[in-house]
PDB file of all heavy atoms in Angstrom:
ATOM      1  N   ILE A   1       2.819  -8.370  -6.750  1.00  0.00           N
ATOM      2  CA  ILE A   1       2.964  -7.109  -6.028  1.00  0.00           C
ATOM      3  C   ILE A   1       3.583  -6.073  -6.961  1.00  0.00           C
ATOM      4  O   ILE A   1       4.636  -6.298  -7.554  1.00  0.00           O
ATOM      5  CB  ILE A   1       3.842  -7.286  -4.773  1.00  0.00           C
ATOM      6  CG1 ILE A   1       3.166  -8.229  -3.773  1.00  0.00           C
ATOM      7  CG2 ILE A   1       4.117  -5.929  -4.111  1.00  0.00           C
ATOM      8  CD1 ILE A   1       4.004  -8.526  -2.542  1.00  0.00           C
ATOM      9  N   VAL A   2       2.920  -4.927  -7.115  1.00  0.00           N
ATOM     10  CA  VAL A   2       3.452  -3.861  -7.959  1.00  0.00           C
ATOM     11  C   VAL A   2       4.046  -2.725  -7.123  1.00  0.00           C
ATOM     12  O   VAL A   2       4.850  -1.943  -7.617  1.00  0.00           O
ATOM     13  CB  VAL A   2       2.373  -3.305  -8.912  1.00  0.00           C
ATOM     14  CG1 VAL A   2       1.921  -4.378  -9.885  1.00  0.00           C
ATOM     15  CG2 VAL A   2       1.176  -2.763  -8.142  1.00  0.00           C
ATOM     16  N   LYS A   3       3.656  -2.625  -5.846  1.00  0.00           N
ATOM     17  CA  LYS A   3       4.185  -1.567  -4.987  1.00  0.00           C
ATOM     18  C   LYS A   3       3.972  -1.947  -3.525  1.00  0.00           C
ATOM     19  O   LYS A   3       2.943  -2.526  -3.168  1.00  0.00           O
ATOM     20  CB  LYS A   3       3.470  -0.239  -5.280  1.00  0.00           C
ATOM     21  CG  LYS A   3       4.104   0.973  -4.661  1.00  0.00           C
ATOM     22  CD  LYS A   3       5.397   1.368  -5.349  1.00  0.00           C
ATOM     23  CE  LYS A   3       5.971   2.651  -4.784  1.00  0.00           C
ATOM     24  NZ  LYS A   3       7.256   3.029  -5.409  1.00  0.00           N
ATOM     25  N   SER A   4       4.941  -1.642  -2.692  1.00  0.00           N
ATOM     26  CA  SER A   4       4.842  -1.889  -1.247  1.00  0.00           C
ATOM     27  C   SER A   4       5.228  -0.620  -0.495  1.00  0.00           C
ATOM     28  O   SER A   4       6.101   0.139  -0.947  1.00  0.00           O
ATOM     29  CB  SER A   4       5.755  -3.049  -0.825  1.00  0.00           C
ATOM     30  OG  SER A   4       5.337  -4.264  -1.398  1.00  0.00           O
ATOM     31  N   TYR A   5       4.578  -0.402   0.643  1.00  0.00           N
ATOM     32  CA  TYR A   5       4.840   0.773   1.460  1.00  0.00           C
ATOM     33  C   TYR A   5       5.016   0.334   2.911  1.00  0.00           C
ATOM     34  O   TYR A   5       4.163  -0.369   3.460  1.00  0.00           O
ATOM     35  CB  TYR A   5       3.695   1.776   1.388  1.00  0.00           C
ATOM     36  CG  TYR A   5       3.338   2.230  -0.010  1.00  0.00           C
ATOM     37  CD1 TYR A   5       2.447   1.496  -0.797  1.00  0.00           C
ATOM     38  CD2 TYR A   5       3.875   3.400  -0.540  1.00  0.00           C
ATOM     39  CE1 TYR A   5       2.103   1.920  -2.065  1.00  0.00           C
ATOM     40  CE2 TYR A   5       3.536   3.830  -1.817  1.00  0.00           C
ATOM     41  CZ  TYR A   5       2.649   3.086  -2.573  1.00  0.00           C
ATOM     42  OH  TYR A   5       2.307   3.495  -3.836  1.00  0.00           O
ATOM     43  N   LYS A   6       6.098   0.744   3.529  1.00  0.00           N
ATOM     44  CA  LYS A   6       6.318   0.508   4.958  1.00  0.00           C
ATOM     45  C   LYS A   6       5.794   1.724   5.703  1.00  0.00           C
ATOM     46  O   LYS A   6       6.222   2.856   5.450  1.00  0.00           O
ATOM     47  CB  LYS A   6       7.812   0.312   5.230  1.00  0.00           C
ATOM     48  CG  LYS A   6       8.135  -0.045   6.668  1.00  0.00           C
ATOM     49  CD  LYS A   6       7.808  -1.488   6.974  1.00  0.00           C
ATOM     50  CE  LYS A   6       8.293  -1.867   8.382  1.00  0.00           C
ATOM     51  NZ  LYS A   6       7.977  -3.264   8.701  1.00  0.00           N
ATOM     52  N   LEU A   7       4.848   1.519   6.623  1.00  0.00           N
ATOM     53  CA  LEU A   7       4.217   2.645   7.292  1.00  0.00           C
ATOM     54  C   LEU A   7       5.074   3.147   8.456  1.00  0.00           C
ATOM     55  O   LEU A   7       5.769   2.365   9.121  1.00  0.00           O
ATOM     56  CB  LEU A   7       2.835   2.249   7.804  1.00  0.00           C
ATOM     57  CG  LEU A   7       1.827   1.774   6.747  1.00  0.00           C
ATOM     58  CD1 LEU A   7       0.458   1.595   7.373  1.00  0.00           C
ATOM     59  CD2 LEU A   7       1.754   2.750   5.579  1.00  0.00           C
ATOM     60  N   PRO A   8       5.016   4.445   8.722  1.00  0.00           N
ATOM     61  CA  PRO A   8       5.758   4.995   9.859  1.00  0.00           C
ATOM     62  C   PRO A   8       5.081   4.648  11.176  1.00  0.00           C
ATOM     63  O   PRO A   8       3.902   4.265  11.199  1.00  0.00           O
ATOM     64  CB  PRO A   8       5.713   6.502   9.587  1.00  0.00           C
ATOM     65  CG  PRO A   8       4.436   6.702   8.823  1.00  0.00           C
ATOM     66  CD  PRO A   8       4.289   5.473   7.967  1.00  0.00           C
ATOM     67  N   GLN A   9       5.809   4.766  12.268  1.00  0.00           N
ATOM     68  CA  GLN A   9       5.207   4.545  13.581  1.00  0.00           C
ATOM     69  C   GLN A   9       4.191   5.634  13.871  1.00  0.00           C
ATOM     70  O   GLN A   9       4.244   6.723  13.316  1.00  0.00           O
ATOM     71  CB  GLN A   9       6.295   4.517  14.663  1.00  0.00           C
ATOM     72  CG  GLN A   9       7.253   3.346  14.532  1.00  0.00           C
ATOM     73  CD  GLN A   9       8.218   3.274  15.678  1.00  0.00           C
ATOM     74  OE1 GLN A   9       8.120   4.024  16.642  1.00  0.00           O
ATOM     75  NE2 GLN A   9       9.172   2.353  15.590  1.00  0.00           N
ATOM     76  N   GLY A  10       3.272   5.335  14.753  1.00  0.00           N
ATOM     77  CA  GLY A  10       2.209   6.267  15.086  1.00  0.00           C
ATOM     78  C   GLY A  10       0.864   5.607  14.945  1.00  0.00           C
ATOM     79  O   GLY A  10       0.755   4.454  14.517  1.00  0.00           O
ATOM     80  N   GLU A  11      -0.195   6.330  15.300  1.00  0.00           N
ATOM     81  CA  GLU A  11      -1.542   5.761  15.264  1.00  0.00           C
ATOM     82  C   GLU A  11      -2.259   5.995  13.945  1.00  0.00           C
ATOM     83  O   GLU A  11      -3.220   5.301  13.638  1.00  0.00           O
ATOM     84  CB  GLU A  11      -2.385   6.331  16.413  1.00  0.00           C
ATOM     85  CG  GLU A  11      -1.905   5.871  17.793  1.00  0.00           C
ATOM     86  CD  GLU A  11      -2.858   6.285  18.889  1.00  0.00           C
ATOM     87  OE1 GLU A  11      -3.797   7.059  18.600  1.00  0.00           O
ATOM     88  OE2 GLU A  11      -2.673   5.832  20.031  1.00  0.00           O
ATOM     89  N   LYS A  12      -1.821   6.976  13.159  1.00  0.00           N
ATOM     90  CA  LYS A  12      -2.474   7.207  11.877  1.00  0.00           C
ATOM     91  C   LYS A  12      -1.495   7.827  10.894  1.00  0.00           C
ATOM     92  O   LYS A  12      -0.501   8.452  11.275  1.00  0.00           O
ATOM     93  CB  LYS A  12      -3.701   8.091  12.038  1.00  0.00           C
ATOM     94  CG  LYS A  12      -3.466   9.440  12.688  1.00  0.00           C
ATOM     95  CD  LYS A  12      -4.791  10.148  12.884  1.00  0.00           C
ATOM     96  CE  LYS A  12      -4.611  11.467  13.641  1.00  0.00           C
ATOM     97  NZ  LYS A  12      -5.897  12.158  13.842  1.00  0.00           N
ATOM     98  N   THR A  13      -1.791   7.614   9.589  1.00  0.00           N
ATOM     99  CA  THR A  13      -0.946   8.162   8.536  1.00  0.00           C
ATOM    100  C   THR A  13      -1.762   8.271   7.262  1.00  0.00           C
ATOM    101  O   THR A  13      -2.847   7.675   7.142  1.00  0.00           O
ATOM    102  CB  THR A  13       0.298   7.275   8.291  1.00  0.00           C
ATOM    103  OG1 THR A  13       1.209   7.951   7.433  1.00  0.00           O
ATOM    104  CG2 THR A  13      -0.099   5.956   7.634  1.00  0.00           C
ATOM    105  N   MET A  14      -1.248   9.041   6.306  1.00  0.00           N
ATOM    106  CA  MET A  14      -1.864   9.154   4.983  1.00  0.00           C
ATOM    107  C   MET A  14      -0.844   8.700   3.953  1.00  0.00           C
ATOM    108  O   MET A  14       0.313   9.140   3.974  1.00  0.00           O
ATOM    109  CB  MET A  14      -2.284  10.591   4.681  1.00  0.00           C
ATOM    110  CG  MET A  14      -2.997  10.740   3.337  1.00  0.00           C
ATOM    111  SD  MET A  14      -3.353  12.457   2.878  1.00  0.00           S
ATOM    112  CE  MET A  14      -1.703  13.009   2.409  1.00  0.00           C
ATOM    113  N   LEU A  15      -1.271   7.814   3.072  1.00  0.00           N
ATOM    114  CA  LEU A  15      -0.390   7.228   2.071  1.00  0.00           C
ATOM    115  C   LEU A  15      -0.850   7.669   0.684  1.00  0.00           C
ATOM    116  O   LEU A  15      -2.006   7.493   0.327  1.00  0.00           O
ATOM    117  CB  LEU A  15      -0.443   5.701   2.181  1.00  0.00           C
ATOM    118  CG  LEU A  15       0.488   4.876   1.299  1.00  0.00           C
ATOM    119  CD1 LEU A  15       1.934   5.158   1.662  1.00  0.00           C
ATOM    120  CD2 LEU A  15       0.179   3.391   1.473  1.00  0.00           C
ATOM    121  N   ASN A  16       0.045   8.280  -0.102  1.00  0.00           N
ATOM    122  CA  ASN A  16      -0.271   8.686  -1.465  1.00  0.00           C
ATOM    123  C   ASN A  16       0.063   7.551  -2.432  1.00  0.00           C
ATOM    124  O   ASN A  16       1.178   7.030  -2.419  1.00  0.00           O
ATOM    125  CB  ASN A  16       0.527   9.929  -1.862  1.00  0.00           C
ATOM    126  CG  ASN A  16       0.062  11.170  -1.127  1.00  0.00           C
ATOM    127  OD1 ASN A  16      -1.138  11.389  -0.965  1.00  0.00           O
ATOM    128  ND2 ASN A  16       0.996  11.988  -0.669  1.00  0.00           N
ATOM    129  N   VAL A  17      -0.902   7.197  -3.260  1.00  0.00           N
ATOM    130  CA  VAL A  17      -0.683   6.181  -4.307  1.00  0.00           C
ATOM    131  C   VAL A  17      -0.954   6.843  -5.642  1.00  0.00           C
ATOM    132  O   VAL A  17      -2.065   7.309  -5.908  1.00  0.00           O
ATOM    133  CB  VAL A  17      -1.608   4.966  -4.117  1.00  0.00           C
ATOM    134  CG1 VAL A  17      -1.392   3.960  -5.244  1.00  0.00           C
ATOM    135  CG2 VAL A  17      -1.358   4.310  -2.771  1.00  0.00           C
ATOM    136  N   ARG A  18       0.045   6.889  -6.491  1.00  0.00           N
ATOM    137  CA  ARG A  18      -0.068   7.539  -7.793  1.00  0.00           C
ATOM    138  C   ARG A  18      -0.226   6.499  -8.901  1.00  0.00           C
ATOM    139  O   ARG A  18       0.245   5.366  -8.776  1.00  0.00           O
ATOM    140  CB  ARG A  18       1.153   8.414  -8.070  1.00  0.00           C
ATOM    141  CG  ARG A  18       1.260   9.610  -7.129  1.00  0.00           C
ATOM    142  CD  ARG A  18       2.531  10.399  -7.377  1.00  0.00           C
ATOM    143  NE  ARG A  18       2.540  11.648  -6.636  1.00  0.00           N
ATOM    144  CZ  ARG A  18       2.869  11.749  -5.353  1.00  0.00           C
ATOM    145  NH1 ARG A  18       3.246  10.665  -4.680  1.00  0.00           N
ATOM    146  NH2 ARG A  18       2.839  12.912  -4.742  1.00  0.00           N
ATOM    147  N   LYS A  19      -0.871   6.924  -9.968  1.00  0.00           N
ATOM    148  CA  LYS A  19      -1.011   6.048 -11.123  1.00  0.00           C
ATOM    149  C   LYS A  19       0.366   5.629 -11.638  1.00  0.00           C
ATOM    150  O   LYS A  19       0.560   4.482 -12.062  1.00  0.00           O
ATOM    151  CB  LYS A  19      -1.801   6.753 -12.221  1.00  0.00           C
ATOM    152  CG  LYS A  19      -2.025   5.891 -13.468  1.00  0.00           C
ATOM    153  CD  LYS A  19      -2.835   6.649 -14.499  1.00  0.00           C
ATOM    154  CE  LYS A  19      -3.065   5.793 -15.735  1.00  0.00           C
ATOM    155  NZ  LYS A  19      -3.870   6.500 -16.752  1.00  0.00           N
ATOM    156  N   SER A  20       1.329   6.549 -11.573  1.00  0.00           N
ATOM    157  CA  SER A  20       2.681   6.235 -12.035  1.00  0.00           C
ATOM    158  C   SER A  20       3.328   5.146 -11.180  1.00  0.00           C
ATOM    159  O   SER A  20       4.198   4.410 -11.653  1.00  0.00           O
ATOM    160  CB  SER A  20       3.547   7.495 -12.023  1.00  0.00           C
ATOM    161  OG  SER A  20       3.591   8.069 -10.731  1.00  0.00           O
ATOM    162  N   ASP A  21       2.907   5.013  -9.910  1.00  0.00           N
ATOM    163  CA  ASP A  21       3.417   3.934  -9.051  1.00  0.00           C
ATOM    164  C   ASP A  21       2.917   2.574  -9.529  1.00  0.00           C
ATOM    165  O   ASP A  21       3.607   1.555  -9.383  1.00  0.00           O
ATOM    166  CB  ASP A  21       2.984   4.138  -7.591  1.00  0.00           C
ATOM    167  CG  ASP A  21       3.543   5.410  -6.981  1.00  0.00           C
ATOM    168  OD1 ASP A  21       4.635   5.832  -7.418  1.00  0.00           O
ATOM    169  OD2 ASP A  21       2.891   5.979  -6.095  1.00  0.00           O
ATOM    170  N   LEU A  22       1.687   2.555 -10.094  1.00  0.00           N
ATOM    171  CA  LEU A  22       1.070   1.296 -10.511  1.00  0.00           C
ATOM    172  C   LEU A  22       1.483   0.900 -11.921  1.00  0.00           C
ATOM    173  O   LEU A  22       1.502  -0.283 -12.256  1.00  0.00           O
ATOM    174  CB  LEU A  22      -0.454   1.417 -10.431  1.00  0.00           C
ATOM    175  CG  LEU A  22      -1.012   1.871  -9.067  1.00  0.00           C
ATOM    176  CD1 LEU A  22      -2.524   1.992  -9.138  1.00  0.00           C
ATOM    177  CD2 LEU A  22      -0.594   0.924  -7.968  1.00  0.00           C
ATOM    178  N   GLY A  23       1.774   1.886 -12.744  1.00  0.00           N
ATOM    179  CA  GLY A  23       2.262   1.593 -14.082  1.00  0.00           C
ATOM    180  C   GLY A  23       1.221   1.712 -15.175  1.00  0.00           C
ATOM    181  O   GLY A  23       1.559   1.971 -16.320  1.00  0.00           O
ATOM    182  N   ALA A  24      -0.059   1.520 -14.831  1.00  0.00           N
ATOM    183  CA  ALA A  24      -1.108   1.575 -15.862  1.00  0.00           C
ATOM    184  C   ALA A  24      -2.465   1.643 -15.188  1.00  0.00           C
ATOM    185  O   ALA A  24      -2.607   1.349 -13.996  1.00  0.00           O
ATOM    186  CB  ALA A  24      -1.040   0.355 -16.777  1.00  0.00           C
ATOM    187  N   ALA A  25      -3.471   2.042 -15.955  1.00  0.00           N
ATOM    188  CA  ALA A  25      -4.843   2.011 -15.453  1.00  0.00           C
ATOM    189  C   ALA A  25      -5.277   0.567 -15.259  1.00  0.00           C
ATOM    190  O   ALA A  25      -4.765  -0.344 -15.900  1.00  0.00           O
ATOM    191  CB  ALA A  25      -5.772   2.716 -16.442  1.00  0.00           C
ATOM    192  N   GLY A  26      -6.222   0.350 -14.344  1.00  0.00           N
ATOM    193  CA  GLY A  26      -6.717  -1.002 -14.114  1.00  0.00           C
ATOM    194  C   GLY A  26      -7.281  -1.167 -12.720  1.00  0.00           C
ATOM    195  O   GLY A  26      -7.421  -0.209 -11.956  1.00  0.00           O
ATOM    196  N   VAL A  27      -7.627  -2.405 -12.387  1.00  0.00           N
ATOM    197  CA  VAL A  27      -8.139  -2.751 -11.068  1.00  0.00           C
ATOM    198  C   VAL A  27      -7.013  -3.384 -10.255  1.00  0.00           C
ATOM    199  O   VAL A  27      -6.349  -4.306 -10.733  1.00  0.00           O
ATOM    200  CB  VAL A  27      -9.323  -3.732 -11.159  1.00  0.00           C
ATOM    201  CG1 VAL A  27      -9.872  -4.047  -9.778  1.00  0.00           C
ATOM    202  CG2 VAL A  27     -10.416  -3.155 -12.039  1.00  0.00           C
ATOM    203  N   TYR A  28      -6.797  -2.879  -9.066  1.00  0.00           N
ATOM    204  CA  TYR A  28      -5.752  -3.387  -8.190  1.00  0.00           C
ATOM    205  C   TYR A  28      -6.363  -3.707  -6.825  1.00  0.00           C
ATOM    206  O   TYR A  28      -7.414  -3.172  -6.450  1.00  0.00           O
ATOM    207  CB  TYR A  28      -4.642  -2.346  -8.006  1.00  0.00           C
ATOM    208  CG  TYR A  28      -3.912  -2.003  -9.292  1.00  0.00           C
ATOM    209  CD1 TYR A  28      -4.422  -1.050 -10.171  1.00  0.00           C
ATOM    210  CD2 TYR A  28      -2.724  -2.647  -9.632  1.00  0.00           C
ATOM    211  CE1 TYR A  28      -3.773  -0.751 -11.358  1.00  0.00           C
ATOM    212  CE2 TYR A  28      -2.063  -2.346 -10.813  1.00  0.00           C
ATOM    213  CZ  TYR A  28      -2.592  -1.399 -11.670  1.00  0.00           C
ATOM    214  OH  TYR A  28      -1.940  -1.105 -12.832  1.00  0.00           O
ATOM    215  N   SER A  29      -5.722  -4.588  -6.091  1.00  0.00           N
ATOM    216  CA  SER A  29      -6.129  -4.869  -4.719  1.00  0.00           C
ATOM    217  C   SER A  29      -4.989  -4.484  -3.782  1.00  0.00           C
ATOM    218  O   SER A  29      -3.832  -4.421  -4.191  1.00  0.00           O
ATOM    219  CB  SER A  29      -6.487  -6.353  -4.542  1.00  0.00           C
ATOM    220  OG  SER A  29      -5.380  -7.177  -4.858  1.00  0.00           O
ATOM    221  N   TYR A  30      -5.343  -4.198  -2.543  1.00  0.00           N
ATOM    222  CA  TYR A  30      -4.307  -3.890  -1.557  1.00  0.00           C
ATOM    223  C   TYR A  30      -4.533  -4.715  -0.293  1.00  0.00           C
ATOM    224  O   TYR A  30      -5.670  -5.127   0.011  1.00  0.00           O
ATOM    225  CB  TYR A  30      -4.291  -2.391  -1.208  1.00  0.00           C
ATOM    226  CG  TYR A  30      -5.501  -1.917  -0.438  1.00  0.00           C
ATOM    227  CD1 TYR A  30      -5.576  -2.027   0.959  1.00  0.00           C
ATOM    228  CD2 TYR A  30      -6.582  -1.348  -1.095  1.00  0.00           C
ATOM    229  CE1 TYR A  30      -6.679  -1.592   1.655  1.00  0.00           C
ATOM    230  CE2 TYR A  30      -7.701  -0.913  -0.406  1.00  0.00           C
ATOM    231  CZ  TYR A  30      -7.739  -1.036   0.975  1.00  0.00           C
ATOM    232  OH  TYR A  30      -8.843  -0.616   1.675  1.00  0.00           O
ATOM    233  N   THR A  31      -3.467  -5.000   0.411  1.00  0.00           N
ATOM    234  CA  THR A  31      -3.556  -5.643   1.722  1.00  0.00           C
ATOM    235  C   THR A  31      -2.759  -4.816   2.717  1.00  0.00           C
ATOM    236  O   THR A  31      -1.751  -4.191   2.368  1.00  0.00           O
ATOM    237  CB  THR A  31      -3.007  -7.080   1.703  1.00  0.00           C
ATOM    238  OG1 THR A  31      -1.614  -7.060   1.339  1.00  0.00           O
ATOM    239  CG2 THR A  31      -3.778  -7.950   0.734  1.00  0.00           C
ATOM    240  N   VAL A  32      -3.241  -4.810   3.932  1.00  0.00           N
ATOM    241  CA  VAL A  32      -2.523  -4.185   5.047  1.00  0.00           C
ATOM    242  C   VAL A  32      -2.106  -5.318   5.986  1.00  0.00           C
ATOM    243  O   VAL A  32      -2.961  -6.052   6.490  1.00  0.00           O
ATOM    244  CB  VAL A  32      -3.414  -3.163   5.787  1.00  0.00           C
ATOM    245  CG1 VAL A  32      -2.623  -2.476   6.893  1.00  0.00           C
ATOM    246  CG2 VAL A  32      -3.981  -2.137   4.812  1.00  0.00           C
ATOM    247  N   GLN A  33      -0.808  -5.492   6.184  1.00  0.00           N
ATOM    248  CA  GLN A  33      -0.300  -6.636   6.935  1.00  0.00           C
ATOM    249  C   GLN A  33       0.658  -6.191   8.026  1.00  0.00           C
ATOM    250  O   GLN A  33       1.372  -5.198   7.881  1.00  0.00           O
ATOM    251  CB  GLN A  33       0.426  -7.613   6.003  1.00  0.00           C
ATOM    252  CG  GLN A  33      -0.415  -8.154   4.867  1.00  0.00           C
ATOM    253  CD  GLN A  33       0.356  -9.114   3.980  1.00  0.00           C
ATOM    254  OE1 GLN A  33       1.372  -9.670   4.387  1.00  0.00           O
ATOM    255  NE2 GLN A  33      -0.111  -9.301   2.748  1.00  0.00           N
ATOM    256  N   ARG A  34       0.650  -6.949   9.101  1.00  0.00           N
ATOM    257  CA  ARG A  34       1.659  -6.774  10.152  1.00  0.00           C
ATOM    258  C   ARG A  34       2.367  -8.111  10.352  1.00  0.00           C
ATOM    259  O   ARG A  34       1.739  -9.097  10.723  1.00  0.00           O
ATOM    260  CB  ARG A  34       1.031  -6.309  11.461  1.00  0.00           C
ATOM    261  CG  ARG A  34       2.065  -6.226  12.606  1.00  0.00           C
ATOM    262  CD  ARG A  34       1.467  -5.787  13.931  1.00  0.00           C
ATOM    263  NE  ARG A  34       1.331  -4.335  13.986  1.00  0.00           N
ATOM    264  CZ  ARG A  34       0.199  -3.693  14.177  1.00  0.00           C
ATOM    265  NH1 ARG A  34      -0.932  -4.387  14.277  1.00  0.00           N
ATOM    266  NH2 ARG A  34       0.154  -2.374  14.235  1.00  0.00           N
ATOM    267  N   GLU A  35       3.638  -8.152  10.007  1.00  0.00           N
ATOM    268  CA  GLU A  35       4.464  -9.359  10.129  1.00  0.00           C
ATOM    269  C   GLU A  35       3.804 -10.550   9.440  1.00  0.00           C
ATOM    270  O   GLU A  35       3.752 -11.654   9.968  1.00  0.00           O
ATOM    271  CB  GLU A  35       4.732  -9.658  11.600  1.00  0.00           C
ATOM    272  CG  GLU A  35       5.532  -8.557  12.299  1.00  0.00           C
ATOM    273  CD  GLU A  35       5.774  -8.857  13.773  1.00  0.00           C
ATOM    274  OE1 GLU A  35       5.084  -9.746  14.317  1.00  0.00           O
ATOM    275  OE2 GLU A  35       6.649  -8.207  14.359  1.00  0.00           O
ATOM    276  N   GLY A  36       3.268 -10.317   8.243  1.00  0.00           N
ATOM    277  CA  GLY A  36       2.679 -11.390   7.446  1.00  0.00           C
ATOM    278  C   GLY A  36       1.231 -11.695   7.751  1.00  0.00           C
ATOM    279  O   GLY A  36       0.605 -12.492   7.038  1.00  0.00           O
ATOM    280  N   ASN A  37       0.658 -11.093   8.805  1.00  0.00           N
ATOM    281  CA  ASN A  37      -0.741 -11.330   9.153  1.00  0.00           C
ATOM    282  C   ASN A  37      -1.630 -10.275   8.496  1.00  0.00           C
ATOM    283  O   ASN A  37      -1.349  -9.067   8.587  1.00  0.00           O
ATOM    284  CB  ASN A  37      -0.933 -11.282  10.675  1.00  0.00           C
ATOM    285  CG  ASN A  37      -0.210 -12.412  11.376  1.00  0.00           C
ATOM    286  OD1 ASN A  37      -0.267 -13.556  10.935  1.00  0.00           O
ATOM    287  ND2 ASN A  37       0.490 -12.100  12.451  1.00  0.00           N
ATOM    288  N   LEU A  38      -2.693 -10.731   7.839  1.00  0.00           N
ATOM    289  CA  LEU A  38      -3.589  -9.825   7.130  1.00  0.00           C
ATOM    290  C   LEU A  38      -4.462  -9.059   8.137  1.00  0.00           C
ATOM    291  O   LEU A  38      -5.131  -9.634   8.979  1.00  0.00           O
ATOM    292  CB  LEU A  38      -4.485 -10.619   6.175  1.00  0.00           C
ATOM    293  CG  LEU A  38      -5.480  -9.805   5.357  1.00  0.00           C
ATOM    294  CD1 LEU A  38      -4.752  -8.897   4.385  1.00  0.00           C
ATOM    295  CD2 LEU A  38      -6.438 -10.732   4.616  1.00  0.00           C
ATOM    296  N   LEU A  39      -4.448  -7.720   8.007  1.00  0.00           N
ATOM    297  CA  LEU A  39      -5.272  -6.876   8.869  1.00  0.00           C
ATOM    298  C   LEU A  39      -6.480  -6.310   8.121  1.00  0.00           C
ATOM    299  O   LEU A  39      -7.582  -6.320   8.615  1.00  0.00           O
ATOM    300  CB  LEU A  39      -4.439  -5.714   9.425  1.00  0.00           C
ATOM    301  CG  LEU A  39      -3.160  -6.102  10.192  1.00  0.00           C
ATOM    302  CD1 LEU A  39      -2.422  -4.842  10.645  1.00  0.00           C
ATOM    303  CD2 LEU A  39      -3.497  -6.983  11.389  1.00  0.00           C
TER     304      LEU A  39
END
């Protein structure tokens, strides 16, 4: 894991992910989870 984001309450949101957050160019994967369950 290189970065984690806790989402705010509500039905929708926009999340900014910057290259500086990842550290370098490359291929990354993301998961959206609720209490450990993959959504």
